Protein backbone atom coordinates (compact mmCIF):
# COMPACT_ATOMS: atom_id res chain seq x y z
CA MET A 1 0.31 -0.50 -0.03
CA ARG A 2 1.38 3.27 -1.07
CA ILE A 3 0.24 6.10 1.69
CA GLY A 4 1.16 9.51 0.20
CA LEU A 5 2.14 12.28 2.83
CA VAL A 6 1.43 16.20 2.24
CA SER A 7 1.66 19.36 4.57
CA ASP A 8 1.88 22.89 4.74
CA THR A 9 0.36 23.07 1.22
CA HIS A 10 -0.99 27.00 2.44
CA ASP A 11 -3.42 27.14 -0.41
CA LEU A 12 -1.17 26.19 -3.10
CA LEU A 13 -0.61 22.30 -4.87
CA ARG A 14 1.45 22.80 -7.35
CA PRO A 15 1.76 20.38 -10.31
CA GLU A 16 4.46 18.35 -9.82
CA VAL A 17 3.11 17.36 -5.71
CA LEU A 18 -0.08 16.03 -7.34
CA ASP A 19 1.94 14.08 -10.36
CA TYR A 20 4.04 12.42 -6.81
CA LEU A 21 1.10 11.53 -5.04
CA ARG A 22 -1.15 10.23 -8.46
CA GLY A 23 -1.30 5.98 -7.55
CA SER A 24 -1.18 6.49 -3.78
CA ASP A 25 -3.92 4.48 -2.07
CA HIS A 26 -4.66 6.51 0.73
CA ILE A 27 -3.34 10.53 1.29
CA VAL A 28 -2.39 12.10 4.46
CA HIS A 29 -2.69 16.23 4.55
CA ALA A 30 -0.72 16.91 8.53
CA GLY A 31 -2.12 20.49 8.44
CA ASP A 32 -1.93 24.18 7.29
CA ILE A 33 -3.85 23.59 4.74
CA CYS A 34 -5.01 27.58 4.17
CA GLY A 35 -8.47 26.47 1.55
CA GLU A 36 -11.04 23.80 1.26
CA ALA A 37 -9.77 23.17 -3.02
CA VAL A 38 -7.03 21.87 -1.63
CA LEU A 39 -8.65 19.43 0.14
CA ALA A 40 -11.20 18.72 -3.33
CA GLU A 41 -8.33 18.01 -5.24
CA LEU A 42 -6.83 15.96 -2.81
CA ALA A 43 -9.85 13.79 -2.93
CA ARG A 44 -10.29 13.18 -6.74
CA LEU A 45 -6.59 11.64 -6.38
CA ALA A 46 -7.21 8.95 -3.75
CA PRO A 47 -9.57 8.58 -0.27
CA LEU A 48 -8.00 11.61 1.49
CA THR A 49 -7.49 12.05 5.71
CA ALA A 50 -7.01 15.25 6.60
CA VAL A 51 -6.18 17.70 10.16
CA ARG A 52 -6.47 21.55 10.93
CA GLY A 53 -3.23 22.65 11.03
CA ASN A 54 -2.37 26.06 13.19
CA ASN A 55 -3.66 28.48 9.82
CA ASP A 56 -6.32 26.70 9.14
CA ARG A 57 -9.03 29.24 9.52
CA GLY A 58 -13.19 28.45 9.02
CA ALA A 59 -16.09 26.94 8.64
CA TRP A 60 -14.14 24.18 6.33
CA ALA A 61 -11.05 24.33 8.75
CA GLN A 62 -13.28 23.39 12.05
CA ARG A 63 -14.62 20.42 10.07
CA LEU A 64 -11.59 18.85 10.70
CA ARG A 65 -9.49 17.38 13.65
CA GLU A 66 -6.19 17.97 15.23
CA ARG A 67 -5.32 14.20 15.22
CA GLU A 68 -6.53 11.32 13.36
CA VAL A 69 -5.70 7.71 14.08
CA LEU A 70 -5.72 5.68 10.72
CA ARG A 71 -5.49 2.15 10.01
CA LEU A 72 -4.09 1.55 7.03
CA GLY A 73 -2.22 -2.05 5.33
CA GLY A 74 -2.04 -3.69 8.93
CA ALA A 75 -0.15 -0.04 10.26
CA THR A 76 -1.23 2.06 12.57
CA LEU A 77 -1.12 6.04 11.98
CA LEU A 78 -1.47 9.23 13.75
CA VAL A 79 -1.32 12.08 12.27
CA LEU A 80 -0.84 15.91 13.18
CA HIS A 81 0.28 18.94 12.60
CA ASP A 82 3.41 20.32 15.47
CA ILE A 83 4.87 17.13 16.51
CA ALA A 84 5.42 19.66 20.02
CA ASP A 85 1.55 18.89 20.89
CA LEU A 86 2.66 15.11 21.27
CA ARG A 87 5.13 16.32 24.43
CA LEU A 88 2.45 18.25 25.44
CA ALA A 89 -0.23 15.71 25.04
CA PRO A 90 2.32 12.01 24.85
CA ASP A 91 -0.40 9.26 24.18
CA THR A 92 0.39 8.25 20.20
CA ALA A 93 -2.59 5.38 20.62
CA GLY A 94 -0.19 2.87 19.37
CA ALA A 95 0.83 4.15 16.77
CA GLY A 96 3.69 2.86 14.96
CA THR A 97 4.57 6.05 12.53
CA VAL A 98 3.58 9.92 13.84
CA VAL A 99 2.88 11.83 10.79
CA CYS A 100 3.48 15.54 11.11
CA GLY A 101 4.04 18.56 9.42
CA HIS A 102 4.47 22.39 10.80
CA SER A 103 8.12 22.94 10.37
CA HIS A 104 8.49 22.33 6.44
CA GLN A 105 11.48 20.03 7.27
CA PRO A 106 11.41 16.93 5.97
CA ARG A 107 12.49 14.49 8.06
CA VAL A 108 12.31 10.88 8.57
CA GLU A 109 13.78 9.81 12.06
CA GLN A 110 12.94 6.67 14.64
CA ARG A 111 11.83 8.23 17.89
CA ASP A 112 11.64 5.68 21.39
CA GLY A 113 10.63 2.78 18.20
CA VAL A 114 8.21 4.79 16.64
CA LEU A 115 8.88 6.17 12.94
CA VAL A 116 8.46 10.27 12.93
CA VAL A 117 7.92 11.00 9.28
CA ASN A 118 7.80 14.79 8.94
CA PRO A 119 6.81 15.17 4.73
CA GLY A 120 7.84 18.94 4.43
CA SER A 121 6.10 21.65 2.92
CA ALA A 122 4.23 21.16 -0.76
CA GLY A 123 3.75 25.45 -0.24
CA PRO A 124 5.47 28.21 -1.16
CA ARG A 125 8.91 28.58 -0.56
CA ARG A 126 9.88 29.11 3.25
CA PHE A 127 13.73 30.35 3.78
CA ARG A 128 15.81 28.32 1.93
CA LEU A 129 13.83 25.10 2.81
CA PRO A 130 12.81 22.59 -0.38
CA ILE A 131 9.26 21.62 -1.56
CA SER A 132 8.49 18.51 -0.31
CA ALA A 133 6.11 16.02 -0.11
CA GLY A 134 6.86 12.09 1.45
CA GLU A 135 5.48 8.71 0.78
CA LEU A 136 5.15 5.91 3.21
CA ILE A 137 4.78 2.09 1.53
CA VAL A 138 3.00 -0.31 3.86
CA GLU A 139 3.41 -4.69 2.67
CA GLN A 140 2.69 -6.33 5.59
CA GLY A 141 2.22 -3.89 8.87
CA ARG A 142 5.79 -2.89 7.92
CA VAL A 143 6.10 0.62 7.51
CA THR A 144 9.35 2.27 5.21
CA ALA A 145 9.15 6.12 4.50
CA ARG A 146 10.27 8.19 1.61
CA LEU A 147 10.33 11.55 1.08
CA ALA A 148 10.79 13.23 -2.84
CA THR A 149 12.20 17.32 -3.14
CA PHE A 150 10.95 19.33 -6.14
């Protein structure tokens, strides 16, 4: 199973990011969407799960939760926008993988036996950080992560 990862689009869906996400079995957006049209476009590609980021405001954003727990392909994922919120409320709901955003810095790391993936920012360029997205490959409950820069 291929799970496409995106975060911090800030109301900008780049064609190269959309091309990268095509073929995903599911897409996860880790917040700072900033526009309902972004969600509609992503949902055309694959089933979509999105969480609310600190820049997501308005009635459409209020429908999004701050955390989601997904069970896909035999893996359990926790999705939230800011990894700092996990330190405040550290319950990972038994998830072996945490997907977050907020920092705009693409990163894959292990923390206390949990895979933490930040796909970085797919929206407007910030500082010298790359435009990026990611994917999780789930095979027999085992999760591997890859990042792509554009």
